[in-house]
Amino acid sequence: MPKNSAVTPSWTTSSFGHPAEWLSSERSELSAHLAHCGEQRRPLHVLRSGADRLQGMMVSRVVTSAVVLGFLIGGSWLAL
C-alpha cells in the first residue's frame, strides 16, 4: 500500500500511540462472532478429538495392535 494513500483507516480501535479503548458495541460484536465461529467448528472439533483419542489409544498399543493384525491376516490367509 502506498504511503500517501487517499484512503486512511477509520477504525474505532486505532489508538495512535495511546492505550486502546474498547467500545461496548465492539465487545458484543466480537463475542457474537466468536460464538458463531465456535458453533460452526463444533462438529469438526468433535471429529478431531475422537481421531486424536483413537490415535492415542493405538500408539500406546502398537505392538499389541501389530500382533492382532498379523493374526487376523494370517488366519484369513490360512482359511483360503
N, C-alpha and C. Protein backbone atom coordinates (compact mmCIF):
# COMPACT_ATOMS: atom_id res chain seq x y z
N MET A 1 0.85 -1.17 0.00
CA MET A 1 0.00 0.00 0.00
C MET A 1 0.90 1.23 0.00
N PRO A 2 0.64 2.21 -0.85
CA PRO A 2 1.48 3.40 -0.89
C PRO A 2 1.35 4.23 0.38
N LYS A 3 2.42 4.92 0.72
CA LYS A 3 2.42 5.71 1.95
C LYS A 3 1.46 6.88 1.88
N ASN A 4 1.29 7.47 0.73
CA ASN A 4 0.43 8.64 0.58
C ASN A 4 -0.92 8.23 0.04
N SER A 5 -1.58 7.36 0.72
CA SER A 5 -2.87 6.87 0.28
C SER A 5 -3.96 7.87 0.62
N ALA A 6 -4.91 8.03 -0.30
CA ALA A 6 -6.01 8.96 -0.05
C ALA A 6 -7.01 8.36 0.93
N VAL A 7 -7.01 7.03 1.03
CA VAL A 7 -7.92 6.36 1.94
C VAL A 7 -7.18 6.07 3.24
N THR A 8 -7.60 6.69 4.31
CA THR A 8 -6.98 6.44 5.60
C THR A 8 -7.90 5.56 6.42
N PRO A 9 -7.35 4.68 7.24
CA PRO A 9 -8.20 3.81 8.05
C PRO A 9 -9.00 4.64 9.06
N SER A 10 -10.24 4.26 9.25
CA SER A 10 -11.09 4.96 10.21
C SER A 10 -11.63 3.99 11.25
N TRP A 11 -10.76 3.12 11.74
CA TRP A 11 -11.17 2.14 12.73
C TRP A 11 -11.36 2.83 14.06
N THR A 12 -12.33 2.36 14.83
CA THR A 12 -12.54 2.92 16.15
C THR A 12 -11.55 2.37 17.15
N THR A 13 -10.82 1.31 16.77
CA THR A 13 -9.84 0.74 17.69
C THR A 13 -8.44 1.31 17.47
N SER A 14 -8.28 2.22 16.53
CA SER A 14 -6.97 2.84 16.32
C SER A 14 -6.61 3.65 17.55
N SER A 15 -5.42 3.44 18.06
CA SER A 15 -5.06 4.12 19.31
C SER A 15 -4.05 5.24 19.10
N PHE A 16 -3.39 5.26 17.95
CA PHE A 16 -2.42 6.31 17.63
C PHE A 16 -1.42 6.54 18.77
N GLY A 17 -0.87 5.46 19.30
CA GLY A 17 0.15 5.55 20.34
C GLY A 17 -0.39 5.63 21.75
N HIS A 18 -1.69 5.71 21.91
CA HIS A 18 -2.31 5.76 23.24
C HIS A 18 -2.89 4.39 23.57
N PRO A 19 -3.16 4.12 24.83
CA PRO A 19 -3.79 2.84 25.16
C PRO A 19 -5.12 2.68 24.44
N ALA A 20 -5.36 1.53 23.88
CA ALA A 20 -6.59 1.28 23.13
C ALA A 20 -7.77 1.15 24.09
N GLU A 21 -8.90 1.69 23.68
CA GLU A 21 -10.12 1.59 24.47
C GLU A 21 -11.14 0.78 23.67
N TRP A 22 -11.85 -0.08 24.35
CA TRP A 22 -12.86 -0.91 23.72
C TRP A 22 -14.23 -0.25 23.86
N LEU A 23 -14.99 -0.26 22.80
CA LEU A 23 -16.37 0.17 22.86
C LEU A 23 -17.22 -1.04 23.20
N SER A 24 -18.32 -0.84 23.88
CA SER A 24 -19.17 -1.98 24.25
C SER A 24 -19.75 -2.65 23.01
N SER A 25 -20.01 -1.88 21.96
CA SER A 25 -20.52 -2.49 20.73
C SER A 25 -19.48 -3.39 20.09
N GLU A 26 -18.21 -3.01 20.17
CA GLU A 26 -17.14 -3.84 19.62
C GLU A 26 -17.01 -5.14 20.40
N ARG A 27 -17.13 -5.05 21.71
CA ARG A 27 -17.06 -6.25 22.53
C ARG A 27 -18.20 -7.20 22.23
N SER A 28 -19.41 -6.67 22.08
CA SER A 28 -20.55 -7.54 21.81
C SER A 28 -20.45 -8.15 20.42
N GLU A 29 -19.95 -7.39 19.43
CA GLU A 29 -19.77 -7.93 18.08
C GLU A 29 -18.71 -9.03 18.07
N LEU A 30 -17.62 -8.82 18.81
CA LEU A 30 -16.57 -9.83 18.88
C LEU A 30 -17.09 -11.09 19.57
N SER A 31 -17.85 -10.92 20.63
CA SER A 31 -18.41 -12.06 21.34
C SER A 31 -19.36 -12.84 20.45
N ALA A 32 -20.20 -12.13 19.71
CA ALA A 32 -21.13 -12.81 18.79
C ALA A 32 -20.36 -13.53 17.69
N HIS A 33 -19.31 -12.93 17.18
CA HIS A 33 -18.51 -13.55 16.13
C HIS A 33 -17.83 -14.82 16.63
N LEU A 34 -17.25 -14.77 17.82
CA LEU A 34 -16.59 -15.94 18.37
C LEU A 34 -17.58 -17.06 18.66
N ALA A 35 -18.78 -16.70 19.12
CA ALA A 35 -19.80 -17.72 19.38
C ALA A 35 -20.23 -18.37 18.06
N HIS A 36 -20.40 -17.57 17.03
CA HIS A 36 -20.79 -18.10 15.72
C HIS A 36 -19.71 -19.03 15.16
N CYS A 37 -18.45 -18.62 15.26
CA CYS A 37 -17.35 -19.47 14.77
C CYS A 37 -17.28 -20.77 15.55
N GLY A 38 -17.48 -20.69 16.86
CA GLY A 38 -17.45 -21.89 17.69
C GLY A 38 -18.55 -22.88 17.33
N GLU A 39 -19.75 -22.35 16.99
CA GLU A 39 -20.84 -23.23 16.59
C GLU A 39 -20.54 -23.92 15.27
N GLN A 40 -19.89 -23.24 14.35
CA GLN A 40 -19.58 -23.84 13.06
C GLN A 40 -18.46 -24.86 13.16
N ARG A 41 -17.57 -24.70 14.10
CA ARG A 41 -16.43 -25.62 14.24
C ARG A 41 -16.73 -26.82 15.12
N ARG A 42 -17.84 -26.83 15.83
CA ARG A 42 -18.12 -27.88 16.79
C ARG A 42 -18.09 -29.28 16.19
N PRO A 43 -18.75 -29.56 15.05
CA PRO A 43 -18.68 -30.93 14.50
C PRO A 43 -17.26 -31.35 14.13
N LEU A 44 -16.50 -30.44 13.56
CA LEU A 44 -15.13 -30.77 13.19
C LEU A 44 -14.28 -30.99 14.44
N HIS A 45 -14.53 -30.22 15.48
CA HIS A 45 -13.78 -30.39 16.73
C HIS A 45 -14.08 -31.75 17.36
N VAL A 46 -15.33 -32.17 17.33
CA VAL A 46 -15.70 -33.48 17.88
C VAL A 46 -15.01 -34.59 17.08
N LEU A 47 -15.02 -34.47 15.76
CA LEU A 47 -14.37 -35.47 14.92
C LEU A 47 -12.87 -35.52 15.17
N ARG A 48 -12.25 -34.35 15.28
CA ARG A 48 -10.80 -34.31 15.51
C ARG A 48 -10.43 -34.86 16.88
N SER A 49 -11.20 -34.52 17.91
CA SER A 49 -10.88 -35.03 19.24
C SER A 49 -11.06 -36.55 19.30
N GLY A 50 -12.06 -37.07 18.58
CA GLY A 50 -12.23 -38.52 18.52
C GLY A 50 -11.07 -39.19 17.81
N ALA A 51 -10.60 -38.58 16.72
CA ALA A 51 -9.45 -39.13 15.99
C ALA A 51 -8.20 -39.07 16.85
N ASP A 52 -8.02 -37.99 17.59
CA ASP A 52 -6.86 -37.89 18.48
C ASP A 52 -6.92 -38.95 19.57
N ARG A 53 -8.10 -39.19 20.11
CA ARG A 53 -8.26 -40.20 21.15
C ARG A 53 -7.95 -41.59 20.60
N LEU A 54 -8.43 -41.88 19.39
CA LEU A 54 -8.17 -43.18 18.77
C LEU A 54 -6.68 -43.35 18.48
N GLN A 55 -6.05 -42.29 17.99
CA GLN A 55 -4.62 -42.36 17.70
C GLN A 55 -3.83 -42.58 18.99
N GLY A 56 -4.20 -41.90 20.05
CA GLY A 56 -3.51 -42.10 21.33
C GLY A 56 -3.65 -43.51 21.85
N MET A 57 -4.82 -44.10 21.66
CA MET A 57 -5.03 -45.47 22.09
C MET A 57 -4.20 -46.43 21.24
N MET A 58 -4.15 -46.20 19.94
CA MET A 58 -3.40 -47.09 19.05
C MET A 58 -1.89 -46.96 19.27
N VAL A 59 -1.41 -45.75 19.51
CA VAL A 59 0.03 -45.55 19.71
C VAL A 59 0.48 -46.25 20.99
N SER A 60 -0.35 -46.22 22.01
CA SER A 60 0.05 -46.86 23.26
C SER A 60 0.02 -48.38 23.16
N ARG A 61 -0.62 -48.90 22.11
CA ARG A 61 -0.72 -50.34 21.94
C ARG A 61 -0.22 -50.78 20.57
N VAL A 62 0.90 -50.24 20.14
CA VAL A 62 1.42 -50.53 18.80
C VAL A 62 1.76 -52.01 18.64
N VAL A 63 2.46 -52.57 19.58
CA VAL A 63 2.89 -53.96 19.47
C VAL A 63 1.67 -54.89 19.50
N THR A 64 0.78 -54.66 20.42
CA THR A 64 -0.42 -55.50 20.51
C THR A 64 -1.25 -55.40 19.24
N SER A 65 -1.41 -54.19 18.74
CA SER A 65 -2.18 -54.00 17.50
C SER A 65 -1.52 -54.71 16.33
N ALA A 66 -0.20 -54.66 16.24
CA ALA A 66 0.51 -55.33 15.15
C ALA A 66 0.35 -56.84 15.25
N VAL A 67 0.41 -57.39 16.45
CA VAL A 67 0.26 -58.84 16.64
C VAL A 67 -1.15 -59.28 16.28
N VAL A 68 -2.15 -58.53 16.75
CA VAL A 68 -3.54 -58.89 16.44
C VAL A 68 -3.79 -58.78 14.95
N LEU A 69 -3.30 -57.74 14.31
CA LEU A 69 -3.45 -57.57 12.87
C LEU A 69 -2.75 -58.71 12.12
N GLY A 70 -1.58 -59.10 12.59
CA GLY A 70 -0.86 -60.22 11.98
C GLY A 70 -1.63 -61.53 12.09
N PHE A 71 -2.23 -61.77 13.27
CA PHE A 71 -3.04 -62.98 13.44
C PHE A 71 -4.27 -62.96 12.54
N LEU A 72 -4.90 -61.81 12.41
CA LEU A 72 -6.07 -61.71 11.54
C LEU A 72 -5.71 -61.94 10.08
N ILE A 73 -4.64 -61.35 9.63
CA ILE A 73 -4.23 -61.54 8.24
C ILE A 73 -3.76 -62.98 8.02
N GLY A 74 -2.98 -63.51 8.95
CA GLY A 74 -2.51 -64.89 8.82
C GLY A 74 -3.66 -65.88 8.87
N GLY A 75 -4.62 -65.66 9.76
CA GLY A 75 -5.77 -66.55 9.84
C GLY A 75 -6.64 -66.52 8.61
N SER A 76 -6.82 -65.33 8.06
CA SER A 76 -7.63 -65.23 6.83
C SER A 76 -6.89 -65.84 5.65
N TRP A 77 -5.57 -65.76 5.62
CA TRP A 77 -4.78 -66.36 4.55
C TRP A 77 -4.85 -67.90 4.62
N LEU A 78 -4.78 -68.43 5.86
CA LEU A 78 -4.85 -69.89 6.03
C LEU A 78 -6.26 -70.40 5.74
N ALA A 79 -7.26 -69.59 5.98
CA ALA A 79 -8.65 -70.02 5.73
C ALA A 79 -8.91 -70.13 4.24
N LEU A 80 -8.16 -69.44 3.43
CA LEU A 80 -8.38 -69.54 1.98
C LEU A 80 -7.77 -70.81 1.51
